[in-house]
C-alpha cells in the first residue's frame, strides 16, 4: 500500500516534464535528457536546449561538426548519428523555430533579438558576458533550461 509521502513523490515525478514546459506551450527542455549531448556539446558551451533551433538548423550543424563555428567539434560517426537523431527529435517546432536563423545561430534568431533588444550593445562586451551566446552569464538557470526573465541577472 502506498503512503501519502510516496504518492506525493510519485506525483511530483510525473509532473516534472510539465514543469519544463514554457508558458507559451513550447518545451525548452526535452522530456528525456541525453548525457552524450551534455558531455560532448556542454563540454565547450552551454548545451543549448534543442527547442531553440528548428530541425533544419540542427541537421546542418551536426552534418558539419568539423567546422563548428570556427572549431573542429568532430565526433565519431555513431555519436554524431545518436546526437543528430536526439536533436531532431527534440528540435523546436513552435513559433521560436518557424524559420532557421542566419548561420543557424540562436543569437541571430528573430525571437532572440526581440527578447534582447532592450540591452545596449556594450552589454555583450562585458568581461563576464563576452558574447550573446553565453546565455548562462545572465540566465542563472540556463543549465537547467530555465530562461525566465524573472531570474535574469546581468553582470556589471
Foldseek 3Di string as FASTA:
>chain_A
DDDPVRVVVVVCVVCVQVVQADPVRWGQADPDDDVLLCVLVVVVAQSGRLQQEALVLLVVQLVPCCPNVNHNSDDPPVSSVVVNVVSNVRHHDDPSHPDQAVVNDSCRGPVNCVVCVVDDPCLCVDPLRVHSRRQCSFQVCVSVPDRDPVRGDRDD
